């Protein structure tokens, strides 16, 4: 009998074999998608000589591999297979199916296989190629997407958090982190991962996606893994790197916007008010002060906030915008917090510094304009008239008067303490800028239009001033008081002084320049207060026994007062 040459009947080839585009996870990537370290001449993978392959086979044998759910694995082209199978597998792609007709002289010849294959038998094989690899294969890495900005890439000893889908080379899935709703978290290059994954994660950016094809000798080798990964299986991982860090990492700062003028930077012990957006490295927002329409207010360097933010806020300027990248050991560690910050997560804070101060800060005074020949300046208890604009340090207008505003320096009920201080020693016409810390302003509670713990900026211009009187006095004499004060005050000489006589007498002394009232926008009220103080039994008149000078009461001779 003359045997014909072996025939291989090719069924339709899978996409990605012979130049057709390959679906994700099958065949080889298009050269344009290859990263720079991979050869740009790679073609869709087919079985060459001396390759290891795994395939399903069915035929006329009593125990086909399809029926047993097992694969056949072997090296092609080195004499370990019958000649017909060696030749019939050449050029096959993963997932390609072929019908092979092998004549006896390329099969088991005139001997056959006892009990299975008779002598001189033609063999028929139905073959599906599941996997191909070669002992000289290297890791195949394809970058699917990569962020525009990549300040750092994965190195050995880094701790990584990533999502993945794992499939065999024929597309059969065997595992996925997405199904567990949790990233896979581990160290790189320390033996916790299979060698191929250890190598495949190196050089990745946070947010990068890769396809990593790992030959079995860099994966689970001859033993496979459980029931899901067969022996000698190539593995395909689609990986999304969520974030990574190194246990030795400190915080990383990006100065997004720094004001041209920065007279002072925040130090340990300062109280800072700032807005922030907090995200994970993949961009997931976990918190924002803007959503609450309220700054976050805290001391820095005292342990009130996570260590990374304590460090990241030191050295900021007022108005600065800064990005603070914090590794987990300086944030919420392995446990994370709540349901928005997972364990071992790197945190990114974009902060905007509104203001800061120290509890020991005084009022900061800047003289913008001072008239020449300034001889008379404001003192405590003077009554002044001034213009002002008030704003927060971020420029938000808090209060403004375009018309004259009256206020009595030294009267805590009238103006805040910091403004009292800032208005001292001013000339009429002088202009100043005052920076007032909250403990000299509206404190932790704030006021209408002024948030709690806010630093205030005042632009003030002094319009005019009136000399005041010492604290506790309502009227002072410019000289010595009359020797017979009661008789002069009793205008109708009836032996008692009602309110109208008292008021007429005081107004006359002021008009004649013999004394002055405490400056006020309502002199009548000041005189009424003076009368009420002297009318000790509150019967509506002052007797000679009731009338006393304040100097007599205080035993002080500096000033005289009714």
Protein backbone atom coordinates (compact mmCIF):
# COMPACT_ATOMS: atom_id res chain seq x y z
CA UNK A 1 0.00 0.00 0.00
CA UNK A 2 1.29 3.45 -0.84
CA UNK A 3 0.71 5.99 1.98
CA UNK A 4 -0.16 9.53 1.12
CA UNK A 5 1.45 12.47 2.83
CA UNK A 6 -0.16 13.58 6.12
CA UNK A 7 -2.98 16.08 5.73
CA UNK A 8 -3.88 18.90 8.10
CA UNK A 9 -7.30 20.31 7.51
CA UNK A 10 -7.40 23.83 8.81
CA UNK A 11 -10.68 25.13 10.21
CA UNK A 12 -11.24 28.91 10.45
CA UNK A 13 -8.31 30.40 12.39
CA UNK A 14 -8.92 32.53 15.50
CA UNK A 15 -8.68 36.29 15.28
CA UNK A 16 -5.14 37.48 15.95
CA UNK A 17 -3.56 34.51 14.15
CA UNK A 18 -1.99 35.11 10.76
CA UNK A 19 -2.19 38.88 11.04
CA UNK A 20 -5.84 39.26 12.09
CA UNK A 21 -6.52 41.61 15.01
CA UNK A 22 -6.50 39.83 18.36
CA UNK A 23 -9.14 40.31 21.02
CA UNK A 24 -7.90 41.25 24.51
CA UNK A 25 -6.09 38.39 26.23
CA UNK A 26 -5.62 36.29 23.10
CA UNK A 27 -2.85 36.10 20.55
CA UNK A 28 -0.30 38.91 20.58
CA UNK A 29 -0.67 42.70 20.75
CA UNK A 30 -0.35 44.86 17.68
CA UNK A 31 3.22 46.24 17.35
CA UNK A 32 1.93 49.81 17.77
CA UNK A 33 0.73 48.93 21.25
CA UNK A 34 4.04 47.49 22.41
CA UNK A 35 6.06 49.32 25.08
CA UNK A 36 9.52 50.57 24.17
CA UNK A 37 11.36 47.63 25.75
CA UNK A 38 9.54 45.04 23.63
CA UNK A 39 10.62 44.09 20.08
CA UNK A 40 8.66 45.92 17.41
CA UNK A 41 8.76 42.98 15.01
CA UNK A 42 6.58 40.63 17.04
CA UNK A 43 3.98 38.70 15.07
CA UNK A 44 0.94 36.72 16.27
CA UNK A 45 2.24 33.70 18.14
CA UNK A 46 2.25 30.32 16.37
CA UNK A 47 3.96 27.06 17.35
CA UNK A 48 7.56 26.91 16.07
CA UNK A 49 9.97 24.02 16.50
CA UNK A 50 11.04 23.34 20.09
CA UNK A 51 7.99 25.00 21.64
CA UNK A 52 5.97 23.71 24.55
CA UNK A 53 2.25 23.45 23.82
CA UNK A 54 -0.94 22.43 25.54
CA UNK A 55 -3.90 21.25 23.53
CA UNK A 56 -7.10 19.27 23.58
CA UNK A 57 -7.21 16.30 21.25
CA UNK A 58 -10.07 14.06 20.17
CA UNK A 59 -9.93 11.22 17.71
CA UNK A 60 -10.66 7.56 17.28
CA UNK A 61 -8.80 6.62 20.47
CA UNK A 62 -10.86 5.01 23.21
CA UNK A 63 -10.02 7.79 25.67
CA UNK A 64 -9.97 11.20 24.03
CA UNK A 65 -8.75 14.16 26.10
CA UNK A 66 -11.99 16.06 25.48
CA UNK A 67 -13.90 13.38 27.30
CA UNK A 68 -11.51 13.42 30.25
CA UNK A 69 -11.41 17.24 30.45
CA UNK A 70 -7.62 17.13 30.41
CA UNK A 71 -5.06 18.67 28.12
CA UNK A 72 -2.08 17.19 26.33
CA UNK A 73 1.19 19.03 26.92
CA UNK A 74 4.38 18.44 25.05
CA UNK A 75 7.38 19.91 23.29
CA UNK A 76 7.02 20.22 19.54
CA UNK A 77 9.80 19.35 17.08
CA UNK A 78 12.19 17.47 19.37
CA UNK A 79 10.99 13.92 18.70
CA UNK A 80 8.76 13.50 21.72
CA UNK A 81 5.60 13.34 19.59
CA UNK A 82 4.76 11.17 16.62
CA UNK A 83 6.03 12.75 13.46
CA UNK A 84 2.56 13.54 12.12
CA UNK A 85 1.54 15.38 15.28
CA UNK A 86 4.87 17.22 15.34
CA UNK A 87 4.25 18.47 11.84
CA UNK A 88 0.51 19.06 12.23
CA UNK A 89 0.92 21.36 15.20
CA UNK A 90 3.43 23.59 13.46
CA UNK A 91 2.11 27.12 12.82
CA UNK A 92 -0.94 26.83 15.08
CA UNK A 93 -2.27 29.80 17.06
CA UNK A 94 -3.86 29.75 20.46
CA UNK A 95 -7.55 28.81 20.16
CA UNK A 96 -7.00 27.54 16.62
CA UNK A 97 -8.72 24.24 15.83
CA UNK A 98 -7.41 21.73 13.28
CA UNK A 99 -8.38 18.32 11.93
CA UNK A 100 -5.24 16.24 11.37
CA UNK A 101 -5.13 13.05 9.29
CA UNK A 102 -1.91 11.21 10.09
CA UNK A 103 -0.90 8.22 7.85
CA UNK A 104 0.68 5.17 9.57
CA UNK A 105 4.26 5.94 8.60
CA UNK A 106 3.91 9.32 10.37
CA UNK A 107 2.03 7.76 13.22
CA UNK A 108 2.64 4.40 14.91
CA UNK A 109 3.52 2.51 11.70
CA UNK A 110 3.22 -1.21 11.34
CA UNK A 111 3.53 -1.79 15.07
CA UNK A 112 0.69 0.36 16.44
CA UNK A 113 0.02 0.63 20.17
CA UNK A 114 -1.02 -2.50 21.97
CA UNK A 115 -4.65 -2.44 22.92
CA UNK A 116 -5.24 1.05 21.49
CA UNK A 117 -3.99 1.59 17.94
CA UNK A 118 -3.80 -1.29 15.46
CA UNK A 119 -0.84 -1.68 13.08
CA UNK A 120 -0.84 0.43 9.91
CA UNK A 121 -3.67 2.65 11.24
CA UNK A 122 -4.43 6.09 9.85
CA UNK A 123 -5.09 8.47 12.73
CA UNK A 124 -7.58 11.30 12.86
CA UNK A 125 -7.06 14.09 15.36
CA UNK A 126 -9.34 17.03 16.25
CA UNK A 127 -6.96 19.51 17.92
CA UNK A 128 -7.61 22.82 19.74
CA UNK A 129 -4.49 24.77 20.73
CA UNK A 130 -4.81 26.17 24.26
CA UNK A 131 -1.37 27.50 25.13
CA UNK A 132 2.06 28.03 23.59
CA UNK A 133 5.35 28.95 25.19
CA UNK A 134 9.05 28.52 24.71
CA UNK A 135 11.79 28.14 27.29
CA UNK A 136 13.38 31.28 25.86
CA UNK A 137 10.19 33.30 26.26
CA UNK A 138 10.25 36.49 28.28
CA UNK A 139 7.51 38.41 29.97
CA UNK A 140 5.22 40.12 27.45
CA UNK A 141 4.06 43.53 28.68
CA UNK A 142 1.62 45.78 26.85
CA UNK A 143 0.76 49.21 28.21
CA UNK A 144 -2.95 49.72 27.58
CA UNK A 145 -3.24 53.21 29.09
CA UNK A 146 -1.03 55.50 31.10
CA UNK A 147 -1.65 58.81 32.91
CA UNK A 148 -0.18 61.93 31.34
CA UNK A 149 1.59 62.76 34.58
CA UNK A 150 3.74 60.10 36.20
CA UNK A 151 6.07 61.43 38.88
CA UNK A 152 7.24 58.01 40.01
CA UNK A 153 7.08 54.35 38.96
CA UNK A 154 7.02 51.06 40.88
CA UNK A 155 10.33 49.74 42.16
CA UNK A 156 11.32 46.66 44.13
CA UNK A 157 10.21 46.76 47.79
CA UNK A 158 7.27 49.07 46.97
CA UNK A 159 3.86 48.19 48.35
CA UNK A 160 1.26 48.11 45.57
CA UNK A 161 -2.54 48.05 45.43
CA UNK A 162 -3.96 46.85 42.12
CA UNK A 163 -6.99 45.33 40.45
CA UNK A 164 -6.62 42.48 37.99
CA UNK A 165 -8.40 40.00 35.76
CA UNK A 166 -6.51 36.73 35.30
CA UNK A 167 -7.08 34.39 32.35
CA UNK A 168 -5.34 31.51 30.68
CA UNK A 169 -3.88 32.10 27.26
CA UNK A 170 -7.05 30.79 25.61
CA UNK A 171 -9.13 33.36 27.47
CA UNK A 172 -10.45 31.11 30.24
CA UNK A 173 -10.79 33.25 33.40
CA UNK A 174 -9.35 31.89 36.62
CA UNK A 175 -9.42 34.83 39.05
CA UNK A 176 -10.38 38.49 39.41
CA UNK A 177 -9.95 41.07 42.18
CA UNK A 178 -13.01 42.90 40.86
CA UNK A 179 -15.23 39.98 41.85
CA UNK A 180 -13.94 40.38 45.43
CA UNK A 181 -14.59 44.13 45.36
CA UNK A 182 -11.11 44.69 46.76
CA UNK A 183 -7.66 45.44 45.42
CA UNK A 184 -4.83 42.95 45.73
CA UNK A 185 -2.28 44.48 48.09
CA UNK A 186 1.31 43.27 48.38
CA UNK A 187 5.00 44.10 48.22
CA UNK A 188 6.87 43.88 44.90
CA UNK A 189 10.18 42.07 44.50
CA UNK A 190 10.15 40.38 47.91
CA UNK A 191 8.83 36.96 46.91
CA UNK A 192 5.19 37.44 47.77
CA UNK A 193 4.16 37.22 44.11
CA UNK A 194 4.92 34.85 41.28
CA UNK A 195 8.09 35.93 39.49
CA UNK A 196 6.30 37.10 36.38
CA UNK A 197 3.99 39.42 38.29
CA UNK A 198 6.91 40.72 40.37
CA UNK A 199 8.61 41.69 37.12
CA UNK A 200 5.48 42.85 35.32
CA UNK A 201 4.55 45.47 37.92
CA UNK A 202 7.93 47.17 37.83
CA UNK A 203 7.95 50.57 36.15
CA UNK A 204 4.18 51.09 36.40
CA UNK A 205 2.59 54.44 37.19
CA UNK A 206 -0.36 54.85 39.51
CA UNK A 207 -3.44 54.68 37.26
CA UNK A 208 -1.64 52.73 34.52
CA UNK A 209 -3.24 49.69 32.86
CA UNK A 210 -1.16 46.81 31.54
CA UNK A 211 -1.59 43.42 29.96
CA UNK A 212 1.03 41.01 31.31
CA UNK A 213 1.52 37.59 29.67
CA UNK A 214 3.54 35.30 31.92
CA UNK A 215 5.05 32.00 30.71
CA UNK A 216 4.55 29.08 33.09
CA UNK A 217 8.17 28.95 34.30
CA UNK A 218 7.59 32.49 35.70
CA UNK A 219 4.18 31.51 37.06
CA UNK A 220 3.03 28.19 38.61
CA UNK A 221 5.14 25.89 36.41
CA UNK A 222 4.61 22.15 36.23
CA UNK A 223 2.31 21.95 39.24
CA UNK A 224 -0.21 24.62 38.33
CA UNK A 225 -2.42 25.96 41.09
CA UNK A 226 -5.43 24.16 42.45
CA UNK A 227 -8.14 23.36 39.95
CA UNK A 228 -8.12 26.72 38.18
CA UNK A 229 -4.59 26.90 36.75
CA UNK A 230 -3.41 23.74 34.97
CA UNK A 231 0.24 22.68 34.86
CA UNK A 232 2.48 24.44 32.35
CA UNK A 233 -0.09 27.22 31.81
CA UNK A 234 0.75 30.66 30.50
CA UNK A 235 -1.15 33.36 32.39
CA UNK A 236 -2.59 36.63 31.14
CA UNK A 237 -3.19 39.42 33.65
CA UNK A 238 -5.00 42.65 32.89
CA UNK A 239 -3.75 44.94 35.67
CA UNK A 240 -4.85 48.39 36.88
CA UNK A 241 -2.40 49.87 39.39
CA UNK A 242 -4.47 51.82 41.91
CA UNK A 243 -1.61 53.17 44.03
CA UNK A 244 1.76 52.31 45.51
CA UNK A 245 4.21 53.52 48.09
CA UNK A 246 7.36 52.53 49.87
CA UNK A 247 7.52 52.09 53.65
CA UNK A 248 10.43 54.54 53.65
CA UNK A 249 8.42 57.23 51.84
CA UNK A 250 7.79 60.61 53.39
CA UNK A 251 5.20 63.06 52.16
CA UNK A 252 5.50 64.50 48.66
CA UNK A 253 4.65 68.16 48.05
CA UNK A 254 3.61 69.94 44.87
CA UNK A 255 3.43 73.73 45.09
CA UNK A 256 0.52 74.49 42.78
CA UNK A 257 0.24 78.22 43.45
CA UNK A 258 2.36 80.36 45.76
CA UNK A 259 1.59 84.08 46.23
CA UNK A 260 4.30 86.46 45.07
CA UNK A 261 4.35 88.06 48.49
CA UNK A 262 4.78 85.62 51.37
CA UNK A 263 5.82 87.53 54.49
CA UNK A 264 5.40 84.59 56.79
CA UNK A 265 5.11 80.80 56.58
CA UNK A 266 3.20 78.53 58.93
CA UNK A 267 5.17 76.81 61.68
CA UNK A 268 4.44 74.26 64.39
CA UNK A 269 1.88 75.66 66.82
CA UNK A 270 0.10 77.86 64.27
CA UNK A 271 -3.66 77.61 63.82
CA UNK A 272 -4.54 77.11 60.14
CA UNK A 273 -7.81 77.53 58.26
CA UNK A 274 -7.85 75.77 54.89
CA UNK A 275 -10.06 74.21 52.26
CA UNK A 276 -9.23 70.82 50.75
CA UNK A 277 -10.24 68.08 48.36
CA UNK A 278 -9.09 64.61 49.42
CA UNK A 279 -8.74 61.86 46.79
CA UNK A 280 -7.19 58.45 46.40
CA UNK A 281 -4.45 58.02 43.78
CA UNK A 282 -6.97 56.79 41.23
CA UNK A 283 -8.87 60.07 41.57
CA UNK A 284 -11.70 58.81 43.80
CA UNK A 285 -12.91 61.68 46.01
CA UNK A 286 -13.29 60.67 49.65
CA UNK A 287 -13.80 64.06 51.34
CA UNK A 288 -14.01 67.77 50.64
CA UNK A 289 -14.35 70.83 52.86
CA UNK A 290 -15.91 72.69 49.93
CA UNK A 291 -18.94 70.36 50.08
CA UNK A 292 -19.55 71.57 53.64
CA UNK A 293 -18.92 75.23 52.72
CA UNK A 294 -16.65 75.47 55.75
CA UNK A 295 -12.90 75.50 56.16
CA UNK A 296 -11.08 72.88 58.18
CA UNK A 297 -9.53 74.62 61.18
CA UNK A 298 -6.77 73.12 63.30
CA UNK A 299 -3.40 73.55 64.93
CA UNK A 300 -0.47 72.05 63.04
CA UNK A 301 2.34 70.01 64.49
CA UNK A 302 0.40 69.07 67.61
CA UNK A 303 -1.12 65.74 66.58
CA UNK A 304 -4.67 66.91 65.94
CA UNK A 305 -4.52 65.71 62.32
CA UNK A 306 -2.86 62.77 60.56
CA UNK A 307 0.96 62.99 60.65
CA UNK A 308 1.29 63.49 56.90
CA UNK A 309 -0.98 66.54 56.93
CA UNK A 310 0.73 67.86 60.05
CA UNK A 311 3.96 67.84 58.06
CA UNK A 312 2.43 68.94 54.78
CA UNK A 313 0.97 72.18 56.14
CA UNK A 314 4.21 73.42 57.65
CA UNK A 315 5.80 76.19 55.63
CA UNK A 316 2.64 77.21 53.76
CA UNK A 317 1.93 80.83 52.83
CA UNK A 318 -1.41 82.52 53.20
CA UNK A 319 -3.31 81.99 49.97
CA UNK A 320 -1.05 79.16 48.81
CA UNK A 321 -2.43 76.14 46.96
CA UNK A 322 -0.49 72.97 47.65
CA UNK A 323 -0.83 69.25 46.87
CA UNK A 324 0.16 66.90 49.69
CA UNK A 325 0.66 63.21 48.82
CA UNK A 326 0.68 61.10 51.95
CA UNK A 327 1.75 57.43 52.20
CA UNK A 328 -0.51 55.23 54.35
CA UNK A 329 1.93 54.93 57.26
CA UNK A 330 1.55 58.72 57.67
CA UNK A 331 -2.22 58.57 57.11
CA UNK A 332 -4.69 55.85 58.14
CA UNK A 333 -2.35 52.85 57.84
CA UNK A 334 -3.30 49.27 57.04
CA UNK A 335 -6.86 49.58 58.37
CA UNK A 336 -7.98 52.70 56.52
CA UNK A 337 -11.00 54.53 57.92
CA UNK A 338 -14.71 54.45 57.24
CA UNK A 339 -15.94 53.06 53.95
CA UNK A 340 -14.15 55.56 51.71
CA UNK A 341 -10.47 55.17 52.62
CA UNK A 342 -9.30 51.56 52.21
CA UNK A 343 -6.41 50.05 54.10
CA UNK A 344 -2.88 50.96 52.92
CA UNK A 345 -4.22 53.76 50.70
CA UNK A 346 -2.08 56.66 49.54
CA UNK A 347 -3.98 59.94 50.02
CA UNK A 348 -3.80 63.12 47.96
CA UNK A 349 -4.92 66.43 49.45
CA UNK A 350 -5.25 69.57 47.33
CA UNK A 351 -5.31 72.35 49.92
CA UNK A 352 -5.96 76.08 49.73
CA UNK A 353 -4.67 78.03 52.73
CA UNK A 354 -7.16 80.72 53.76
CA UNK A 355 -5.25 82.08 56.74
CA UNK A 356 -3.22 81.10 59.79
CA UNK A 357 -2.12 82.70 63.03
CA UNK A 358 -0.41 81.95 66.30
CA UNK A 359 -2.14 82.47 69.65
CA UNK A 360 0.77 84.75 70.62
CA UNK A 361 0.42 86.98 67.53
CA UNK A 362 -0.05 90.75 68.11
CA UNK A 363 -1.81 93.12 65.74
CA UNK A 364 0.27 93.65 62.63
CA UNK A 365 0.32 97.36 61.68
CA UNK A 366 1.43 98.71 58.32
CA UNK A 367 1.38 102.48 57.82
CA UNK A 368 0.36 103.19 54.25
CA UNK A 369 0.27 107.02 54.54
CA UNK A 370 1.14 109.47 57.32
CA UNK A 371 0.71 113.24 56.88
CA UNK A 372 3.68 115.54 57.36
CA UNK A 373 3.77 117.55 60.52
CA UNK A 374 1.91 114.97 62.57
CA UNK A 375 2.11 116.30 66.16
CA UNK A 376 -1.11 115.06 67.73
CA UNK A 377 -1.93 111.35 67.76
CA UNK A 378 -4.71 109.27 69.22
CA UNK A 379 -4.50 108.04 72.77
CA UNK A 380 -6.57 105.67 74.84
CA UNK A 381 -10.06 107.05 75.61
CA UNK A 382 -9.98 109.47 72.64
CA UNK A 383 -13.09 109.64 70.52
CA UNK A 384 -12.29 109.16 66.81
CA UNK A 385 -14.00 109.23 63.46
CA UNK A 386 -12.61 106.93 60.76
CA UNK A 387 -13.30 105.07 57.52
CA UNK A 388 -12.54 101.35 57.18
CA UNK A 389 -12.85 98.34 54.91
CA UNK A 390 -12.74 94.90 56.51
CA UNK A 391 -12.01 91.63 54.69
CA UNK A 392 -10.79 88.11 55.31
CA UNK A 393 -7.28 87.27 54.16
CA UNK A 394 -8.60 85.46 51.08
CA UNK A 395 -10.13 88.75 49.94
CA UNK A 396 -13.71 88.01 51.00
CA UNK A 397 -15.30 91.30 52.06
CA UNK A 398 -16.48 91.07 55.64
CA UNK A 399 -17.63 94.63 56.31
CA UNK A 400 -17.17 98.05 54.73
CA UNK A 401 -18.22 101.61 55.53
CA UNK A 402 -18.13 104.22 52.80
CA UNK A 403 -19.73 106.81 55.09
CA UNK A 404 -18.11 108.07 58.33
CA UNK A 405 -18.20 105.60 61.19
CA UNK A 406 -17.96 106.60 64.84
CA UNK A 407 -16.20 104.52 67.45
CA UNK A 408 -14.59 105.12 70.83
CA UNK A 409 -11.13 103.66 71.16
CA UNK A 410 -10.70 102.03 74.55
CA UNK A 411 -14.36 101.01 74.78
CA UNK A 412 -14.37 97.24 74.33
CA UNK A 413 -18.10 97.27 73.72
CA UNK A 414 -17.59 99.49 70.68
CA UNK A 415 -14.78 97.87 68.71
CA UNK A 416 -12.75 94.67 68.84
CA UNK A 417 -9.57 94.73 70.88
CA UNK A 418 -7.28 94.45 67.88
CA UNK A 419 -8.87 97.47 66.23
CA UNK A 420 -8.51 99.42 69.49
CA UNK A 421 -4.79 98.69 69.42
CA UNK A 422 -4.40 99.42 65.72
CA UNK A 423 -6.02 102.87 66.00
CA UNK A 424 -3.66 104.16 68.69
CA UNK A 425 -0.98 106.74 67.88
CA UNK A 426 -2.60 107.75 64.60
CA UNK A 427 -2.71 111.22 63.10
CA UNK A 428 -5.77 112.69 61.44
CA UNK A 429 -5.52 111.71 57.75
CA UNK A 430 -3.26 108.73 58.41
CA UNK A 431 -3.96 105.43 56.62
CA UNK A 432 -3.08 101.97 57.92
CA UNK A 433 -3.51 98.30 57.14
CA UNK A 434 -4.19 96.19 60.23
CA UNK A 435 -3.93 92.38 60.38
CA UNK A 436 -5.85 91.22 63.43
CA UNK A 437 -5.61 87.63 64.71
CA UNK A 438 -8.86 86.05 65.92
CA UNK A 439 -8.00 86.20 69.64
CA UNK A 440 -7.93 90.00 69.19
CA UNK A 441 -10.88 89.92 66.78
CA UNK A 442 -14.07 87.88 66.87
CA UNK A 443 -12.51 84.75 68.36
CA UNK A 444 -13.59 81.16 67.77
CA UNK A 445 -17.27 82.06 67.41
CA UNK A 446 -16.86 84.70 64.70
CA UNK A 447 -19.54 87.26 63.93
CA UNK A 448 -21.96 88.08 61.16
CA UNK A 449 -19.97 87.71 57.94
CA UNK A 450 -16.87 86.62 59.85
CA UNK A 451 -16.23 82.89 60.32
CA UNK A 452 -14.84 81.56 63.58
CA UNK A 453 -11.07 81.84 64.13
CA UNK A 454 -10.69 84.13 61.10
CA UNK A 455 -7.80 86.56 60.71
CA UNK A 456 -9.12 90.00 59.69
CA UNK A 457 -7.62 92.65 57.46
CA UNK A 458 -8.65 96.28 58.07
CA UNK A 459 -7.87 99.24 55.85
CA UNK A 460 -8.42 102.29 58.08
CA UNK A 461 -8.23 106.06 57.57
CA UNK A 462 -8.50 108.39 60.57
CA UNK A 463 -10.78 111.35 59.83
CA UNK A 464 -10.80 113.21 63.12
CA UNK A 465 -10.28 112.82 66.89
CA UNK A 466 -11.54 114.35 70.14
CA UNK A 467 -9.54 114.25 73.33
CA UNK A 468 -11.02 111.82 75.78
CA UNK A 469 -11.31 111.72 79.57
CA UNK A 470 -9.75 109.26 82.01
CA UNK A 471 -11.48 105.95 82.53
CA UNK A 472 -14.38 106.27 84.99
CA UNK A 473 -14.89 110.00 84.35
CA UNK A 474 -17.79 111.65 82.55
CA UNK A 475 -16.60 115.27 82.90
CA UNK A 476 -13.31 116.89 83.84
CA UNK A 477 -12.47 120.49 84.76
CA UNK A 478 -9.78 122.29 82.78
CA UNK A 479 -8.76 124.11 85.95
CA UNK A 480 -9.80 124.11 89.56
CA UNK A 481 -13.52 123.62 90.19
CA UNK A 482 -15.49 126.57 91.73
CA UNK A 483 -15.00 126.91 95.50
CA UNK A 484 -18.76 127.11 96.09
CA UNK A 485 -19.83 124.60 93.48
CA UNK A 486 -23.22 123.74 94.94
CA UNK A 487 -24.30 127.42 95.29
CA UNK A 488 -23.35 128.19 91.68
CA UNK A 489 -25.16 125.12 90.42
CA UNK A 490 -28.35 126.00 92.36
CA UNK A 491 -29.45 128.59 89.82
CA UNK A 492 -32.77 129.58 91.49
CA UNK A 493 -31.29 129.37 95.01
CA UNK A 494 -34.03 127.11 96.39
CA UNK A 495 -31.63 124.74 98.11
CA UNK A 496 -31.95 121.87 95.63
CA UNK A 497 -30.78 121.12 92.11
CA UNK A 498 -33.21 119.38 89.74
CA UNK A 499 -32.11 117.79 86.44
CA UNK A 500 -32.75 120.87 84.26
CA UNK A 501 -30.62 123.13 86.49
CA UNK A 502 -27.84 120.55 86.52
CA UNK A 503 -27.91 120.20 82.72
CA UNK A 504 -27.90 124.00 82.18
CA UNK A 505 -24.93 124.46 84.50
CA UNK A 506 -22.82 121.71 82.87
CA UNK A 507 -23.52 122.93 79.34
CA UNK A 508 -22.47 126.46 80.41
CA UNK A 509 -19.12 125.17 81.75
CA UNK A 510 -18.46 123.35 78.49
CA UNK A 511 -19.46 126.38 76.38
CA UNK A 512 -17.13 128.64 78.42
CA UNK A 513 -14.24 126.17 78.08
CA UNK A 514 -14.01 125.51 81.80
CA UNK A 515 -14.46 121.74 81.41
CA UNK A 516 -15.31 119.02 78.94
CA UNK A 517 -17.63 116.03 78.76
CA UNK A 518 -16.59 112.53 77.82
CA UNK A 519 -16.72 112.53 74.00
CA UNK A 520 -19.94 111.01 72.73
CA UNK A 521 -22.40 111.25 69.92
CA UNK A 522 -25.10 111.97 72.57
CA UNK A 523 -24.00 114.62 75.16
CA UNK A 524 -27.47 114.70 76.72
CA UNK A 525 -27.11 111.06 77.72
CA UNK A 526 -23.72 111.76 79.33
CA UNK A 527 -25.20 114.63 81.39
CA UNK A 528 -28.16 112.45 82.38
CA UNK A 529 -25.73 109.77 83.59
CA UNK A 530 -23.83 112.39 85.60
CA UNK A 531 -27.05 113.60 87.28
CA UNK A 532 -28.13 110.08 88.10
CA UNK A 533 -24.75 109.39 89.75
CA UNK A 534 -25.12 112.50 91.98
CA UNK A 535 -28.80 111.95 92.82
CA UNK A 536 -27.88 109.22 95.19
CA UNK A 537 -31.38 108.61 96.62
CA UNK A 538 -32.91 108.92 93.14
CA UNK A 539 -35.54 111.46 94.21
CA UNK A 540 -35.05 113.65 91.16
CA UNK A 541 -32.92 116.34 92.83
CA UNK A 542 -29.43 116.75 94.20
CA UNK A 543 -28.85 118.04 97.73
CA UNK A 544 -25.67 119.58 99.10
CA UNK A 545 -24.99 116.38 101.01
CA UNK A 546 -25.26 114.29 97.84
CA UNK A 547 -22.99 116.41 95.62
CA UNK A 548 -19.41 115.15 95.65
CA UNK A 549 -16.42 115.44 93.38
CA UNK A 550 -15.03 112.18 92.07
CA UNK A 551 -11.66 113.24 93.43
CA UNK A 552 -13.14 113.26 96.90
CA UNK A 553 -14.43 109.76 96.37
CA UNK A 554 -11.24 108.33 94.83
CA UNK A 555 -8.79 110.49 96.81
CA UNK A 556 -6.99 111.22 93.54
CA UNK A 557 -5.92 114.75 92.60
CA UNK A 558 -5.10 114.11 88.92
CA UNK A 559 -8.50 115.26 87.62
CA UNK A 560 -11.62 116.67 89.18
CA UNK A 561 -15.07 115.49 88.19
CA UNK A 562 -18.63 115.97 89.37
